[in-house]
Amino acid sequence: MKILFASTPASGHINPMFAIGQMLVAAGHEVVGLSANAMRDRIEAVGATFRAFPKDADFDLRNVLAVYPELANIPPGIEMSLFYSERVLIDPMRAQHEGLLQVLRDFPADVIIADNFLCGVMPMLLGQPRSERPPIVLCGTMFLHSRRDDGAPNFAGLPPASNEAEREEYAAISKEHDRVLYEPVRHYLNDRLADLGVGPLSTNVFHALVVLPDAYLQLTVPSFEFPRQDLPDSVHFVGTLPIIPNQAPLPPWAHELDGSRKVVMVTQGTVNNFDFRQLVVPTLEALANEPDVLVVVTAGGRSIDDIPGPIPGNARLASYLPFEWLLPKVDAFVTNDSTRDATAFIFV
């Protein structure tokens, strides 16, 4: 088969696509990978042919602040969520779409496989009959962001509702959430879809990216998600992908994770990691006086010198870490969602 895989050039979204590309090449398929030029070496390393997005989508989101310096002055919360949704997610849509069409002109793909935030597929999904385009499969590289059964908005960090009173409370929260975030983003998206001669969209963009594709492969298992009984027909849980080994070296302090101390890992991921004072620094400060705890920090690709000091004696820092080595040794994982100030504690 001829397979086109495409991805936004953000580490958390494209890394799973490398694994998919590698599996497809190993299975004997002819694979083309479409993303930013910054991802050329990684795409070619899995054996796929590289193609670049047009310039308006050809940027390296591994350093999001270099692409969008104004983010440094936007506080976490709704304003930042609007910025990410409109500027980072939607604005590249036209160029991504043009890139897909350019590849398809000389590479008639049997299927398009993309990450869950590639809005460039939306003009095809909304504007072309299924008979006139390849099937489009999106891959869920994060939590499942279709509508929740309990009515709570996604990206708000709310636990599953346990009773009717909580569901009523969530309905009120969701109404306000729609007003200040989803509805402005939907209107913003519909204006740009209209410029491409398609649309409008009647639901929020995050739900649409789950229900519109011909298939949506959620790269996890149902028990890792919010409880859902009424899943969209597009959703298929496929479990985790195999990790491509040796993507990051072991740190010089690897031998210290020998089980003698509890290990707490903290990271702000690869997107919202331009201000480590939001989560990394408070976690380091909170655990600084715990002699039986080792705090491991990964800077999501940024230099560890960007983490403000003083650095406690029980902290160990790295720009990137091989998770296939690290996670089995971790007792607690402290992280944040990508655009808001919610914090998650995952105990493993």
Protein backbone atom coordinates (compact mmCIF):
# COMPACT_ATOMS: atom_id res chain seq x y z
CA MET A 1 0.00 0.00 0.00
CA LYS A 2 0.93 3.64 -0.45
CA ILE A 3 0.58 5.36 2.91
CA LEU A 4 0.94 9.05 3.69
CA PHE A 5 1.50 9.90 7.34
CA ALA A 6 1.41 13.53 8.38
CA SER A 7 1.87 15.30 11.67
CA THR A 8 2.08 18.65 13.35
CA PRO A 9 5.77 19.24 14.19
CA ALA A 10 5.36 18.96 17.97
CA SER A 11 7.24 16.18 19.76
CA GLY A 12 4.27 14.83 21.68
CA HIS A 13 2.25 14.47 18.49
CA ILE A 14 4.86 13.37 15.97
CA ASN A 15 6.82 10.89 18.10
CA PRO A 16 4.01 8.29 17.94
CA MET A 17 3.82 8.88 14.18
CA PHE A 18 7.49 7.88 13.87
CA ALA A 19 6.63 4.57 15.51
CA ILE A 20 3.69 4.06 13.15
CA GLY A 21 5.85 4.94 10.15
CA GLN A 22 8.52 2.51 11.23
CA MET A 23 5.97 -0.31 11.62
CA LEU A 24 4.47 0.40 8.20
CA VAL A 25 7.86 0.47 6.47
CA ALA A 26 8.84 -2.79 8.19
CA ALA A 27 5.61 -4.33 6.90
CA GLY A 28 6.64 -3.53 3.33
CA HIS A 29 4.44 -0.50 2.61
CA GLU A 30 5.56 2.54 0.62
CA VAL A 31 5.46 5.37 3.13
CA VAL A 32 5.74 9.15 2.77
CA GLY A 33 6.03 11.33 5.89
CA LEU A 34 4.79 14.93 5.73
CA SER A 35 5.79 17.45 8.39
CA ALA A 36 8.14 20.38 9.01
CA ASN A 37 11.70 20.36 7.68
CA ALA A 38 12.90 20.09 11.29
CA MET A 39 11.54 16.53 11.29
CA ARG A 40 13.27 15.38 8.08
CA ASP A 41 16.01 13.34 9.76
CA ARG A 42 13.59 11.59 12.12
CA ILE A 43 11.18 10.71 9.31
CA GLU A 44 13.93 9.43 7.03
CA ALA A 45 15.40 7.43 9.94
CA VAL A 46 12.28 5.23 10.05
CA GLY A 47 12.64 4.52 6.33
CA ALA A 48 9.95 6.85 4.99
CA THR A 49 10.31 9.41 2.22
CA PHE A 50 10.20 12.94 3.61
CA ARG A 51 8.03 15.74 2.26
CA ALA A 52 7.84 19.22 3.82
CA PHE A 53 4.84 21.37 4.63
CA PRO A 54 4.57 24.71 2.78
CA LYS A 55 6.29 27.54 4.66
CA ASP A 56 3.22 28.69 6.64
CA ALA A 57 3.18 25.31 8.41
CA ASP A 58 6.92 24.64 8.28
CA PHE A 59 8.02 25.48 11.81
CA ASP A 60 9.63 23.62 14.69
CA LEU A 61 7.31 23.41 17.69
CA ARG A 62 9.96 21.72 19.78
CA ASN A 63 10.80 25.30 20.76
CA VAL A 64 7.35 26.86 20.73
CA LEU A 65 8.60 30.14 22.17
CA ALA A 66 10.91 30.64 19.20
CA VAL A 67 7.91 30.33 16.87
CA TYR A 68 5.48 32.30 19.04
CA PRO A 69 7.53 34.64 21.30
CA GLU A 70 4.35 36.40 22.43
CA LEU A 71 3.47 33.31 24.46
CA ALA A 72 5.96 34.44 27.08
CA ASN A 73 3.55 37.21 28.09
CA ILE A 74 0.32 35.18 28.11
CA PRO A 75 -0.73 33.75 31.49
CA PRO A 76 -1.91 30.13 31.74
CA GLY A 77 -5.67 29.75 31.45
CA ILE A 78 -8.34 30.65 28.91
CA GLU A 79 -6.24 33.28 27.13
CA MET A 80 -3.43 30.79 26.54
CA SER A 81 -5.91 28.10 25.48
CA LEU A 82 -7.40 30.49 22.91
CA PHE A 83 -3.93 31.30 21.59
CA TYR A 84 -2.97 27.65 21.19
CA SER A 85 -6.31 26.72 19.63
CA GLU A 86 -6.40 29.57 17.13
CA ARG A 87 -2.79 30.36 16.33
CA VAL A 88 -1.02 27.02 16.81
CA LEU A 89 -3.79 24.56 15.88
CA ILE A 90 -5.96 26.35 13.30
CA ASP A 91 -3.78 28.94 11.57
CA PRO A 92 -1.52 26.34 9.85
CA MET A 93 -4.59 24.50 8.47
CA ARG A 94 -4.50 26.00 4.96
CA ALA A 95 -0.79 25.30 4.49
CA GLN A 96 -1.13 21.78 5.91
CA HIS A 97 -4.02 21.14 3.52
CA GLU A 98 -1.97 22.43 0.59
CA GLY A 99 0.89 20.17 1.63
CA LEU A 100 -1.38 17.13 1.66
CA LEU A 101 -2.72 17.95 -1.81
CA GLN A 102 0.81 18.47 -3.17
CA VAL A 103 1.91 15.04 -1.97
CA LEU A 104 -1.24 13.35 -3.29
CA ARG A 105 -0.62 14.72 -6.80
CA ASP A 106 2.41 12.47 -7.29
CA PHE A 107 1.83 9.94 -4.52
CA PRO A 108 -1.73 8.58 -4.77
CA ALA A 109 -1.95 7.35 -1.20
CA ASP A 110 -4.28 4.51 -0.31
CA VAL A 111 -4.73 6.02 3.15
CA ILE A 112 -3.75 9.16 5.07
CA ILE A 113 -2.70 8.67 8.70
CA ALA A 114 -2.25 11.82 10.78
CA ASP A 115 -2.02 12.97 14.36
CA ASN A 116 -5.13 14.14 16.18
CA PHE A 117 -4.35 17.87 15.89
CA LEU A 118 -3.66 18.06 12.15
CA CYS A 119 -6.44 20.43 11.11
CA GLY A 120 -5.16 20.26 7.53
CA VAL A 121 -7.33 17.17 6.97
CA MET A 122 -10.55 19.02 7.83
CA PRO A 123 -11.12 20.60 4.37
CA MET A 124 -11.01 17.09 2.87
CA LEU A 125 -13.27 15.61 5.52
CA LEU A 126 -15.83 18.41 5.20
CA GLY A 127 -15.56 19.17 1.50
CA GLN A 128 -14.93 15.93 -0.38
CA PRO A 129 -17.11 12.83 -0.69
CA ARG A 130 -15.43 9.69 0.58
CA SER A 131 -15.24 8.39 -3.02
CA GLU A 132 -13.04 11.34 -4.06
CA ARG A 133 -10.34 11.11 -1.37
CA PRO A 134 -8.31 8.49 0.46
CA PRO A 135 -9.62 7.28 3.81
CA ILE A 136 -8.35 9.47 6.63
CA VAL A 137 -7.26 8.01 9.95
CA LEU A 138 -6.34 10.23 12.90
CA CYS A 139 -4.32 8.93 15.84
CA GLY A 140 -5.07 10.03 19.39
CA THR A 141 -1.69 11.01 20.79
CA MET A 142 -3.23 12.37 24.01
CA PHE A 143 -6.37 11.76 26.06
CA LEU A 144 -9.59 11.20 24.11
CA HIS A 145 -11.05 14.69 23.56
CA SER A 146 -14.51 13.81 22.31
CA ARG A 147 -17.49 14.85 24.47
CA ARG A 148 -17.51 13.33 27.94
CA ASP A 149 -20.49 11.29 29.17
CA ASP A 150 -20.79 13.37 32.33
CA GLY A 151 -20.98 16.68 30.43
CA ALA A 152 -17.73 18.09 31.81
CA PRO A 153 -15.61 20.07 29.35
CA ASN A 154 -12.32 18.57 28.24
CA PHE A 155 -9.06 20.28 29.19
CA ALA A 156 -10.53 21.45 32.51
CA GLY A 157 -9.08 18.70 34.70
CA LEU A 158 -12.42 17.73 36.24
CA PRO A 159 -12.73 14.18 37.65
CA PRO A 160 -15.62 11.97 36.51
CA ALA A 161 -18.96 12.99 37.98
CA SER A 162 -20.16 10.55 40.64
CA ASN A 163 -23.72 11.80 41.14
CA GLU A 164 -26.46 13.93 39.60
CA ALA A 165 -25.48 17.04 41.55
CA GLU A 166 -21.98 16.92 40.05
CA ARG A 167 -23.41 16.40 36.56
CA GLU A 168 -25.57 19.48 37.00
CA GLU A 169 -22.55 21.43 38.19
CA TYR A 170 -20.53 20.22 35.19
CA ALA A 171 -23.32 21.27 32.84
CA ALA A 172 -23.07 24.83 34.16
CA ILE A 173 -19.27 24.78 33.92
CA SER A 174 -19.46 23.41 30.38
CA LYS A 175 -21.85 26.15 29.31
CA GLU A 176 -19.42 28.81 30.48
CA HIS A 177 -16.49 26.89 29.00
CA ASP A 178 -18.27 26.86 25.63
CA ARG A 179 -18.92 30.58 25.86
CA VAL A 180 -15.38 31.65 26.62
CA LEU A 181 -13.38 29.01 24.69
CA TYR A 182 -15.11 26.55 22.39
CA GLU A 183 -17.51 28.97 20.70
CA PRO A 184 -14.89 31.66 19.92
CA VAL A 185 -12.58 28.96 18.56
CA ARG A 186 -15.38 27.41 16.48
CA HIS A 187 -16.20 30.79 14.90
CA TYR A 188 -12.50 31.40 14.25
CA LEU A 189 -12.21 27.99 12.57
CA ASN A 190 -15.39 28.43 10.51
CA ASP A 191 -14.11 31.74 9.11
CA ARG A 192 -11.00 29.96 7.84
CA LEU A 193 -12.93 26.97 6.56
CA ALA A 194 -15.16 29.38 4.62
CA ASP A 195 -12.05 30.79 2.95
CA LEU A 196 -11.39 27.25 1.73
CA GLY A 197 -14.97 26.81 0.54
CA VAL A 198 -16.05 24.26 3.16
CA GLY A 199 -17.90 24.16 6.46
CA PRO A 200 -19.26 25.40 8.69
CA LEU A 201 -18.53 23.18 11.64
CA SER A 202 -21.38 22.78 14.12
CA THR A 203 -19.38 21.41 17.04
CA ASN A 204 -16.12 22.28 18.76
CA VAL A 205 -12.90 21.53 16.94
CA PHE A 206 -11.63 18.97 19.45
CA HIS A 207 -14.77 16.83 19.26
CA ALA A 208 -14.84 17.24 15.49
CA LEU A 209 -11.29 15.92 15.11
CA VAL A 210 -12.47 12.69 16.76
CA VAL A 211 -15.79 12.16 14.96
CA LEU A 212 -15.03 13.42 11.43
CA PRO A 213 -12.24 11.04 10.30
CA ASP A 214 -13.04 7.66 8.83
CA ALA A 215 -11.31 6.12 11.84
CA TYR A 216 -9.79 7.49 15.03
CA LEU A 217 -7.16 5.26 16.62
CA GLN A 218 -6.80 6.02 20.32
CA LEU A 219 -3.30 4.94 21.31
CA THR A 220 -4.24 3.65 24.73
CA VAL A 221 -6.84 1.46 26.46
CA PRO A 222 -10.33 2.40 27.72
CA SER A 223 -9.37 2.15 31.39
CA PHE A 224 -6.86 4.98 30.95
CA GLU A 225 -9.62 7.37 29.80
CA PHE A 226 -12.56 9.10 31.42
CA PRO A 227 -15.47 6.62 31.63
CA ARG A 228 -17.44 6.58 28.40
CA GLN A 229 -20.35 4.40 27.32
CA ASP A 230 -21.35 6.36 24.22
CA LEU A 231 -18.18 6.43 22.14
CA PRO A 232 -18.24 7.88 18.61
CA ASP A 233 -18.30 5.15 15.96
CA SER A 234 -14.95 6.39 14.66
CA VAL A 235 -13.05 5.53 17.86
CA HIS A 236 -10.97 2.37 18.12
CA PHE A 237 -8.71 1.68 21.09
CA VAL A 238 -5.51 0.10 19.77
CA GLY A 239 -3.24 0.13 22.82
CA THR A 240 0.20 1.63 23.10
CA LEU A 241 2.69 1.71 20.26
CA PRO A 242 6.11 0.11 20.58
CA ILE A 243 8.71 2.64 21.67
CA ILE A 244 11.54 3.32 19.26
CA PRO A 245 14.52 2.59 21.52
CA ASN A 246 17.56 4.79 22.11
CA GLN A 247 15.90 8.07 21.12
CA ALA A 248 17.59 9.69 24.12
CA PRO A 249 20.77 8.62 25.97
CA LEU A 250 20.88 7.48 29.57
CA PRO A 251 21.87 10.34 31.91
CA PRO A 252 25.18 10.19 33.80
CA TRP A 253 23.22 9.74 37.05
CA ALA A 254 21.26 6.72 35.78
CA HIS A 255 22.87 4.42 38.37
CA GLU A 256 21.27 6.44 41.20
CA LEU A 257 17.80 5.11 40.30
CA ASP A 258 18.60 1.86 42.08
CA GLY A 259 15.45 1.57 44.20
CA SER A 260 16.99 3.00 47.36
CA ARG A 261 14.87 6.16 47.10
CA LYS A 262 11.39 6.94 45.84
CA VAL A 263 11.46 8.59 42.41
CA VAL A 264 9.22 11.50 41.50
CA MET A 265 9.34 12.56 37.87
CA VAL A 266 8.24 16.07 36.87
CA THR A 267 7.93 17.56 33.41
CA GLN A 268 6.02 20.34 31.68
CA GLY A 269 6.09 18.37 28.45
CA THR A 270 7.30 19.65 25.10
CA VAL A 271 4.85 22.52 24.56
CA ASN A 272 4.13 24.55 27.68
CA ASN A 273 7.68 24.35 28.95
CA PHE A 274 8.87 27.90 28.35
CA ASP A 275 8.34 28.94 31.98
CA PHE A 276 9.55 26.26 34.37
CA ARG A 277 8.35 28.35 37.31
CA GLN A 278 4.81 27.14 36.59
CA LEU A 279 5.34 23.54 37.72
CA VAL A 280 8.94 22.29 37.75
CA VAL A 281 10.30 24.86 40.20
CA PRO A 282 7.39 24.53 42.71
CA THR A 283 7.77 20.75 42.65
CA LEU A 284 11.52 20.99 43.25
CA GLU A 285 10.93 23.40 46.13
CA ALA A 286 8.19 21.27 47.69
CA LEU A 287 10.34 18.10 47.70
CA ALA A 288 13.74 19.70 48.38
CA ASN A 289 13.88 18.53 51.98
CA GLU A 290 12.78 14.94 51.37
CA PRO A 291 15.96 12.84 51.77
CA ASP A 292 14.22 9.63 50.70
CA VAL A 293 12.98 11.13 47.40
CA LEU A 294 14.86 11.65 44.15
CA VAL A 295 13.20 14.23 41.88
CA VAL A 296 13.85 13.62 38.18
CA VAL A 297 13.17 16.50 35.79
CA THR A 298 13.03 16.30 32.02
CA ALA A 299 12.95 19.68 30.30
CA GLY A 300 11.08 18.51 27.20
CA GLY A 301 13.98 19.28 24.88
CA ARG A 302 15.03 22.58 26.40
CA SER A 303 18.40 23.06 28.07
CA ILE A 304 18.51 22.22 31.77
CA ASP A 305 20.23 25.61 32.21
CA ASP A 306 16.82 27.17 31.52
CA ILE A 307 15.47 25.77 34.80
CA PRO A 308 15.82 28.54 37.40
CA GLY A 309 17.87 27.73 40.47
CA PRO A 310 18.74 26.99 43.11
CA ILE A 311 18.50 23.31 42.20
CA PRO A 312 18.01 21.09 45.31
CA GLY A 313 20.52 18.37 46.03
CA ASN A 314 17.94 15.63 45.53
CA ALA A 315 17.10 16.77 41.97
CA ARG A 316 18.42 15.23 38.76
CA LEU A 317 17.91 17.07 35.49
CA ALA A 318 17.98 16.18 31.79
CA SER A 319 16.84 17.75 28.56
CA TYR A 320 15.36 14.46 27.32
CA LEU A 321 15.15 11.04 28.94
CA PRO A 322 14.38 7.58 27.52
CA PHE A 323 10.96 6.84 28.99
CA GLU A 324 11.20 3.11 28.29
CA TRP A 325 14.03 3.09 30.86
CA LEU A 326 12.69 5.71 33.26
CA LEU A 327 8.99 5.04 33.75
CA PRO A 328 9.33 1.57 35.34
CA LYS A 329 11.45 3.22 38.04
CA VAL A 330 9.05 6.11 38.77
CA ASP A 331 6.76 6.15 41.83
CA ALA A 332 4.91 9.39 41.01
CA PHE A 333 4.67 11.42 37.81
CA VAL A 334 3.89 15.14 38.10
CA THR A 335 2.85 16.92 34.93
CA ASN A 336 0.53 19.54 33.49
CA ASP A 337 -1.81 19.65 30.54
CA SER A 338 -0.35 21.39 27.49
CA THR A 339 -2.08 24.78 27.59
CA ARG A 340 -3.73 25.24 30.96
CA ASP A 341 -2.49 25.40 34.53
CA ALA A 342 -4.10 22.14 35.65
CA THR A 343 -1.71 19.65 37.22
CA ALA A 344 -1.93 15.87 37.13
CA PHE A 345 -0.32 13.44 39.55
CA ILE A 346 -0.01 9.96 38.07
CA PHE A 347 1.07 7.20 40.46
CA VAL A 348 2.69 4.21 38.81
